[in-house]
């Protein structure tokens, strides 16, 4: 498989993982609700109360940040066998996980940056229906599956 195809497939796969894990494991899975209650309960409550700002992301080693870092590390570890057969695919997964973490953390520390560059994520936290806009980096899968909805007033602080 060529380098370009490996990178493209991993980029798409990374967005599918982000969407699927966010929607079906972190939020809507009763088996995992006890494990991930911190994510939905605390992170969403704090973000909603503070107009997207979550002080737990200031320190990259705080409990909230560690939760995400451990989860992303686990995902990369279970995908490690790809490195032997499709090294560029695996490299792009590492890049995707890194961009996800940086973008998500930045959106909750620098609120104006988050609203400008990730308005769908701001709408996920601040909109009436928090069961929309599951993609953090880009709303690609949300657009394809009909779970994208963005209202300008949520982003512009009317």
Foldseek 3Di string as FASTA:
>chain_A
DDLVVLLVVLVVVLQVCQLCCQQPQLPNDPVRCVVNVCVCPVQLVQCQVVLLADPQLPDCPGPVNVVLVVVLVVVLVVVVVCCVVPVSNSVSSVVSSVVQSVQSSCCRHVVLCCLVQFVLVSCCRHPPHVNASSGGNDSVVSVVVVRTDGDVCSSVVD
